[in-house]
Structures are given as C-alpha cells and as structure tokens.
Amino acid sequence: MVASFLVSGTAHLVRPQVFDPLVPPALPGPRLWIAGTGVAELASAVGLLTGARWGPPAATATLLVVWPGNWWHAVRVQRSRAHPAVKAAAWARLPLQIPMMIAAQNPYRDAAEAAA
C-alpha cells in the first residue's frame, strides 16, 4: 500500500494532466484537487511507512476522498468511445478501494502476526 501511495502521489505532482479526467467538473480548480490528493497520498505513505498513529486514518481518508473522482471517471468513460478494456478497468478500480480502505485501518497486522 505504501508503494502505491508513493507512486500515485508522485504521479499526481509530476504529471497532473493524467488525473484531469478524474476531477468532476463541478469541483473548481481541478489542478488544486490533483495536487492536494497527491500530497495526501505522499503523506499517507510516510505515515504508514513510519508507523505513525495518524497514518492509517490518513490513508483511509485519502482513499475516501479520491473515490468520487474514480466514480466520475468510470461513468464518464462508459459514455465515451474508449476501448472496452479501458472501460472495464475504470470500473474495476472502484471495488478494489474497499479492501484497500480496510487494510489501511490495520496495515501492521501482517507484521504483528508474523512476529508472533
């Protein structure tokens, strides 16, 4: 999970145009949202990596904040001429965020079980 936050957060800041289609048009300042979520993903990665108490809630909140944008993108892509694989991928990412949110709540569980 840390790696996905690091990669995605960095991509948000380095190539924000990739994320433009995920920002619903009702939100003003799309690049501000993109930069903000990128920073939130990087902060979440740091929190999880360091074992900070705020890491799990920050990671979960970040996933919740970006979920509406992923829904918007999935609906928008379905109305486009995008390749069927692109359309399927847009929908597939939505249910994957649920186990990520659950895992974010106790990211150290596997390590604790391995140590026991």
N, C-alpha and C. Protein backbone atom coordinates (compact mmCIF):
# COMPACT_ATOMS: atom_id res chain seq x y z
N MET A 1 0.82 -1.18 0.00
CA MET A 1 0.00 0.00 0.00
C MET A 1 0.88 1.26 0.00
N VAL A 2 1.97 1.21 0.74
CA VAL A 2 2.88 2.35 0.78
C VAL A 2 3.40 2.65 -0.62
N ALA A 3 3.80 1.60 -1.34
CA ALA A 3 4.33 1.79 -2.69
C ALA A 3 3.28 2.41 -3.61
N SER A 4 2.05 1.96 -3.51
CA SER A 4 1.01 2.52 -4.40
C SER A 4 0.77 4.00 -4.07
N PHE A 5 0.79 4.36 -2.78
CA PHE A 5 0.64 5.77 -2.43
C PHE A 5 1.83 6.59 -2.92
N LEU A 6 3.03 6.05 -2.80
CA LEU A 6 4.22 6.79 -3.25
C LEU A 6 4.19 7.02 -4.76
N VAL A 7 3.87 5.98 -5.51
CA VAL A 7 3.83 6.09 -6.97
C VAL A 7 2.72 7.03 -7.41
N SER A 8 1.53 6.82 -6.88
CA SER A 8 0.39 7.64 -7.28
C SER A 8 0.57 9.10 -6.84
N GLY A 9 1.02 9.31 -5.62
CA GLY A 9 1.23 10.67 -5.13
C GLY A 9 2.25 11.42 -5.96
N THR A 10 3.33 10.74 -6.31
CA THR A 10 4.35 11.35 -7.15
C THR A 10 3.79 11.67 -8.53
N ALA A 11 3.04 10.74 -9.09
CA ALA A 11 2.44 10.96 -10.42
C ALA A 11 1.49 12.16 -10.39
N HIS A 12 0.73 12.30 -9.30
CA HIS A 12 -0.18 13.45 -9.20
C HIS A 12 0.58 14.77 -9.31
N LEU A 13 1.77 14.82 -8.74
CA LEU A 13 2.53 16.07 -8.72
C LEU A 13 3.37 16.27 -9.98
N VAL A 14 3.86 15.17 -10.55
CA VAL A 14 4.76 15.27 -11.71
C VAL A 14 3.98 15.32 -13.03
N ARG A 15 2.89 14.58 -13.12
CA ARG A 15 2.09 14.52 -14.35
C ARG A 15 0.61 14.74 -14.03
N PRO A 16 0.27 15.91 -13.54
CA PRO A 16 -1.12 16.14 -13.11
C PRO A 16 -2.14 16.00 -14.24
N GLN A 17 -1.72 16.24 -15.47
CA GLN A 17 -2.66 16.15 -16.59
C GLN A 17 -3.27 14.76 -16.73
N VAL A 18 -2.56 13.75 -16.26
CA VAL A 18 -3.08 12.38 -16.32
C VAL A 18 -4.36 12.26 -15.48
N PHE A 19 -4.45 13.05 -14.43
CA PHE A 19 -5.57 12.95 -13.50
C PHE A 19 -6.70 13.93 -13.79
N ASP A 20 -6.51 14.80 -14.78
CA ASP A 20 -7.56 15.77 -15.13
C ASP A 20 -8.92 15.11 -15.36
N PRO A 21 -8.99 13.98 -16.08
CA PRO A 21 -10.31 13.38 -16.34
C PRO A 21 -11.01 12.84 -15.10
N LEU A 22 -10.28 12.70 -14.00
CA LEU A 22 -10.88 12.15 -12.79
C LEU A 22 -11.54 13.20 -11.90
N VAL A 23 -11.32 14.47 -12.20
CA VAL A 23 -11.88 15.53 -11.37
C VAL A 23 -13.24 15.93 -11.95
N PRO A 24 -14.30 15.73 -11.17
CA PRO A 24 -15.63 16.13 -11.66
C PRO A 24 -15.66 17.63 -11.99
N PRO A 25 -16.34 18.01 -13.07
CA PRO A 25 -16.35 19.42 -13.48
C PRO A 25 -17.01 20.34 -12.45
N ALA A 26 -17.78 19.80 -11.52
CA ALA A 26 -18.42 20.63 -10.50
C ALA A 26 -17.41 21.16 -9.48
N LEU A 27 -16.23 20.54 -9.44
CA LEU A 27 -15.20 21.00 -8.49
C LEU A 27 -14.34 22.07 -9.14
N PRO A 28 -14.24 23.23 -8.52
CA PRO A 28 -13.40 24.28 -9.10
C PRO A 28 -11.92 23.97 -8.89
N GLY A 29 -11.09 24.48 -9.76
CA GLY A 29 -9.64 24.32 -9.62
C GLY A 29 -9.17 22.88 -9.63
N PRO A 30 -9.37 22.16 -10.74
CA PRO A 30 -9.02 20.74 -10.75
C PRO A 30 -7.56 20.45 -10.41
N ARG A 31 -6.64 21.30 -10.84
CA ARG A 31 -5.23 21.04 -10.55
C ARG A 31 -4.94 21.17 -9.05
N LEU A 32 -5.68 22.02 -8.37
CA LEU A 32 -5.52 22.13 -6.92
C LEU A 32 -5.95 20.83 -6.24
N TRP A 33 -7.05 20.25 -6.70
CA TRP A 33 -7.51 18.97 -6.17
C TRP A 33 -6.49 17.87 -6.45
N ILE A 34 -5.95 17.89 -7.65
CA ILE A 34 -4.97 16.87 -8.04
C ILE A 34 -3.71 16.99 -7.17
N ALA A 35 -3.22 18.20 -7.02
CA ALA A 35 -2.03 18.41 -6.18
C ALA A 35 -2.33 18.04 -4.73
N GLY A 36 -3.49 18.42 -4.25
CA GLY A 36 -3.85 18.11 -2.87
C GLY A 36 -3.94 16.63 -2.59
N THR A 37 -4.53 15.90 -3.52
CA THR A 37 -4.61 14.45 -3.31
C THR A 37 -3.24 13.80 -3.46
N GLY A 38 -2.40 14.36 -4.32
CA GLY A 38 -1.04 13.84 -4.44
C GLY A 38 -0.27 14.01 -3.15
N VAL A 39 -0.37 15.19 -2.55
CA VAL A 39 0.29 15.45 -1.27
C VAL A 39 -0.30 14.53 -0.18
N ALA A 40 -1.61 14.36 -0.20
CA ALA A 40 -2.25 13.48 0.79
C ALA A 40 -1.77 12.03 0.64
N GLU A 41 -1.59 11.58 -0.60
CA GLU A 41 -1.10 10.22 -0.82
C GLU A 41 0.34 10.08 -0.33
N LEU A 42 1.17 11.07 -0.59
CA LEU A 42 2.55 11.01 -0.12
C LEU A 42 2.61 11.06 1.41
N ALA A 43 1.79 11.91 2.01
CA ALA A 43 1.75 11.98 3.47
C ALA A 43 1.25 10.66 4.05
N SER A 44 0.25 10.06 3.42
CA SER A 44 -0.26 8.77 3.89
C SER A 44 0.82 7.71 3.82
N ALA A 45 1.59 7.71 2.74
CA ALA A 45 2.68 6.75 2.60
C ALA A 45 3.70 6.92 3.73
N VAL A 46 4.05 8.16 4.02
CA VAL A 46 5.01 8.43 5.10
C VAL A 46 4.43 7.96 6.44
N GLY A 47 3.17 8.27 6.68
CA GLY A 47 2.52 7.86 7.93
C GLY A 47 2.50 6.35 8.10
N LEU A 48 2.19 5.63 7.02
CA LEU A 48 2.16 4.17 7.09
C LEU A 48 3.57 3.60 7.24
N LEU A 49 4.49 4.15 6.49
CA LEU A 49 5.86 3.65 6.49
C LEU A 49 6.53 3.83 7.86
N THR A 50 6.23 4.93 8.51
CA THR A 50 6.87 5.21 9.80
C THR A 50 6.09 4.65 10.98
N GLY A 51 4.92 4.10 10.74
CA GLY A 51 4.11 3.56 11.83
C GLY A 51 3.44 4.63 12.66
N ALA A 52 3.30 5.83 12.11
CA ALA A 52 2.65 6.92 12.83
C ALA A 52 1.19 6.58 13.10
N ARG A 53 0.70 7.01 14.25
CA ARG A 53 -0.69 6.71 14.63
C ARG A 53 -1.68 7.32 13.65
N TRP A 54 -1.31 8.45 13.04
CA TRP A 54 -2.20 9.12 12.10
C TRP A 54 -2.15 8.50 10.71
N GLY A 55 -1.21 7.61 10.45
CA GLY A 55 -1.05 7.02 9.13
C GLY A 55 -2.28 6.27 8.62
N PRO A 56 -2.79 5.30 9.39
CA PRO A 56 -3.97 4.57 8.92
C PRO A 56 -5.19 5.44 8.67
N PRO A 57 -5.55 6.35 9.59
CA PRO A 57 -6.70 7.21 9.28
C PRO A 57 -6.46 8.12 8.08
N ALA A 58 -5.22 8.60 7.93
CA ALA A 58 -4.91 9.47 6.78
C ALA A 58 -5.03 8.69 5.48
N ALA A 59 -4.54 7.46 5.46
CA ALA A 59 -4.63 6.64 4.25
C ALA A 59 -6.08 6.34 3.90
N THR A 60 -6.88 6.00 4.90
CA THR A 60 -8.29 5.71 4.66
C THR A 60 -9.02 6.96 4.17
N ALA A 61 -8.76 8.09 4.79
CA ALA A 61 -9.41 9.34 4.37
C ALA A 61 -9.02 9.69 2.94
N THR A 62 -7.76 9.49 2.60
CA THR A 62 -7.30 9.79 1.24
C THR A 62 -8.03 8.92 0.23
N LEU A 63 -8.17 7.64 0.53
CA LEU A 63 -8.89 6.74 -0.37
C LEU A 63 -10.36 7.15 -0.50
N LEU A 64 -10.95 7.60 0.59
CA LEU A 64 -12.34 8.05 0.54
C LEU A 64 -12.50 9.33 -0.29
N VAL A 65 -11.54 10.22 -0.18
CA VAL A 65 -11.60 11.49 -0.90
C VAL A 65 -11.48 11.28 -2.41
N VAL A 66 -10.64 10.35 -2.84
CA VAL A 66 -10.46 10.15 -4.28
C VAL A 66 -11.53 9.24 -4.89
N TRP A 67 -12.29 8.54 -4.06
CA TRP A 67 -13.30 7.61 -4.59
C TRP A 67 -14.34 8.29 -5.47
N PRO A 68 -14.90 9.44 -5.12
CA PRO A 68 -15.87 10.08 -6.02
C PRO A 68 -15.28 10.41 -7.39
N GLY A 69 -14.02 10.82 -7.41
CA GLY A 69 -13.38 11.08 -8.70
C GLY A 69 -13.25 9.82 -9.54
N ASN A 70 -12.98 8.71 -8.90
CA ASN A 70 -12.90 7.45 -9.63
C ASN A 70 -14.27 7.04 -10.16
N TRP A 71 -15.33 7.29 -9.38
CA TRP A 71 -16.69 7.03 -9.86
C TRP A 71 -17.01 7.92 -11.07
N TRP A 72 -16.69 9.20 -10.92
CA TRP A 72 -16.94 10.14 -12.02
C TRP A 72 -16.25 9.66 -13.29
N HIS A 73 -15.00 9.26 -13.17
CA HIS A 73 -14.23 8.80 -14.32
C HIS A 73 -14.85 7.54 -14.93
N ALA A 74 -15.27 6.60 -14.09
CA ALA A 74 -15.87 5.37 -14.60
C ALA A 74 -17.14 5.65 -15.39
N VAL A 75 -17.98 6.53 -14.87
CA VAL A 75 -19.22 6.89 -15.57
C VAL A 75 -18.91 7.62 -16.87
N ARG A 76 -17.98 8.57 -16.81
CA ARG A 76 -17.61 9.35 -17.99
C ARG A 76 -17.03 8.46 -19.09
N VAL A 77 -16.18 7.52 -18.71
CA VAL A 77 -15.54 6.63 -19.70
C VAL A 77 -16.58 5.75 -20.37
N GLN A 78 -17.60 5.33 -19.63
CA GLN A 78 -18.63 4.47 -20.23
C GLN A 78 -19.37 5.17 -21.36
N ARG A 79 -19.44 6.49 -21.26
CA ARG A 79 -20.15 7.28 -22.28
C ARG A 79 -19.24 7.67 -23.45
N SER A 80 -17.99 7.22 -23.39
CA SER A 80 -17.03 7.60 -24.42
C SER A 80 -16.83 6.46 -25.41
N ARG A 81 -15.93 6.70 -26.36
CA ARG A 81 -15.58 5.67 -27.35
C ARG A 81 -14.34 4.90 -26.90
N ALA A 82 -14.03 4.94 -25.63
CA ALA A 82 -12.84 4.27 -25.11
C ALA A 82 -12.92 2.76 -25.37
N HIS A 83 -11.77 2.16 -25.45
CA HIS A 83 -11.67 0.71 -25.65
C HIS A 83 -12.39 0.00 -24.50
N PRO A 84 -13.04 -1.12 -24.76
CA PRO A 84 -13.74 -1.85 -23.69
C PRO A 84 -12.83 -2.20 -22.50
N ALA A 85 -11.56 -2.44 -22.74
CA ALA A 85 -10.64 -2.75 -21.64
C ALA A 85 -10.46 -1.53 -20.73
N VAL A 86 -10.44 -0.34 -21.32
CA VAL A 86 -10.33 0.89 -20.53
C VAL A 86 -11.59 1.08 -19.69
N LYS A 87 -12.73 0.80 -20.30
CA LYS A 87 -13.99 0.92 -19.57
C LYS A 87 -14.05 -0.07 -18.41
N ALA A 88 -13.61 -1.29 -18.66
CA ALA A 88 -13.61 -2.31 -17.60
C ALA A 88 -12.65 -1.92 -16.48
N ALA A 89 -11.49 -1.42 -16.83
CA ALA A 89 -10.51 -1.03 -15.82
C ALA A 89 -11.03 0.12 -14.96
N ALA A 90 -11.76 1.05 -15.58
CA ALA A 90 -12.31 2.18 -14.82
C ALA A 90 -13.28 1.69 -13.75
N TRP A 91 -14.07 0.68 -14.06
CA TRP A 91 -15.00 0.13 -13.07
C TRP A 91 -14.29 -0.79 -12.09
N ALA A 92 -13.28 -1.51 -12.55
CA ALA A 92 -12.60 -2.47 -11.68
C ALA A 92 -11.89 -1.81 -10.51
N ARG A 93 -11.41 -0.61 -10.70
CA ARG A 93 -10.67 0.05 -9.62
C ARG A 93 -11.57 0.44 -8.45
N LEU A 94 -12.86 0.60 -8.70
CA LEU A 94 -13.77 1.03 -7.63
C LEU A 94 -13.89 0.02 -6.49
N PRO A 95 -14.23 -1.24 -6.77
CA PRO A 95 -14.32 -2.18 -5.65
C PRO A 95 -12.96 -2.49 -5.01
N LEU A 96 -11.88 -2.28 -5.73
CA LEU A 96 -10.56 -2.53 -5.16
C LEU A 96 -10.22 -1.55 -4.04
N GLN A 97 -10.83 -0.39 -4.05
CA GLN A 97 -10.56 0.58 -2.99
C GLN A 97 -11.14 0.15 -1.65
N ILE A 98 -12.15 -0.69 -1.66
CA ILE A 98 -12.75 -1.14 -0.39
C ILE A 98 -11.76 -1.98 0.41
N PRO A 99 -11.15 -3.04 -0.16
CA PRO A 99 -10.15 -3.76 0.64
C PRO A 99 -8.93 -2.91 0.99
N MET A 100 -8.61 -1.92 0.14
CA MET A 100 -7.51 -1.03 0.49
C MET A 100 -7.86 -0.19 1.72
N MET A 101 -9.11 0.28 1.80
CA MET A 101 -9.53 1.05 2.97
C MET A 101 -9.52 0.18 4.23
N ILE A 102 -9.95 -1.07 4.08
CA ILE A 102 -9.94 -1.99 5.22
C ILE A 102 -8.50 -2.27 5.65
N ALA A 103 -7.63 -2.53 4.69
CA ALA A 103 -6.22 -2.80 5.00
C ALA A 103 -5.56 -1.58 5.62
N ALA A 104 -5.96 -0.40 5.19
CA ALA A 104 -5.36 0.83 5.73
C ALA A 104 -5.66 0.99 7.21
N GLN A 105 -6.77 0.43 7.67
CA GLN A 105 -7.13 0.56 9.07
C GLN A 105 -6.18 -0.20 9.99
N ASN A 106 -5.60 -1.27 9.50
CA ASN A 106 -4.67 -2.05 10.32
C ASN A 106 -3.53 -2.54 9.43
N PRO A 107 -2.72 -1.62 8.91
CA PRO A 107 -1.68 -2.02 7.95
C PRO A 107 -0.54 -2.81 8.57
N TYR A 108 -0.46 -2.85 9.88
CA TYR A 108 0.66 -3.52 10.54
C TYR A 108 0.25 -4.92 11.01
N ARG A 109 -0.97 -5.36 10.71
CA ARG A 109 -1.47 -6.65 11.16
C ARG A 109 -0.60 -7.80 10.72
N ASP A 110 -0.25 -7.86 9.43
CA ASP A 110 0.55 -8.96 8.93
C ASP A 110 1.92 -9.02 9.61
N ALA A 111 2.51 -7.87 9.83
CA ALA A 111 3.82 -7.84 10.50
C ALA A 111 3.70 -8.32 11.94
N ALA A 112 2.62 -7.93 12.62
CA ALA A 112 2.42 -8.34 14.00
C ALA A 112 2.18 -9.84 14.08
N GLU A 113 1.41 -10.37 13.12
CA GLU A 113 1.14 -11.81 13.11
C GLU A 113 2.42 -12.60 12.80
N ALA A 114 3.25 -12.09 11.93
CA ALA A 114 4.49 -12.76 11.59
C ALA A 114 5.47 -12.78 12.77
N ALA A 115 5.43 -11.73 13.58
CA ALA A 115 6.32 -11.63 14.73
C ALA A 115 5.85 -12.53 15.87
N ALA A 116 4.58 -12.86 15.89
CA ALA A 116 4.03 -13.66 17.00
C ALA A 116 4.37 -15.13 16.89
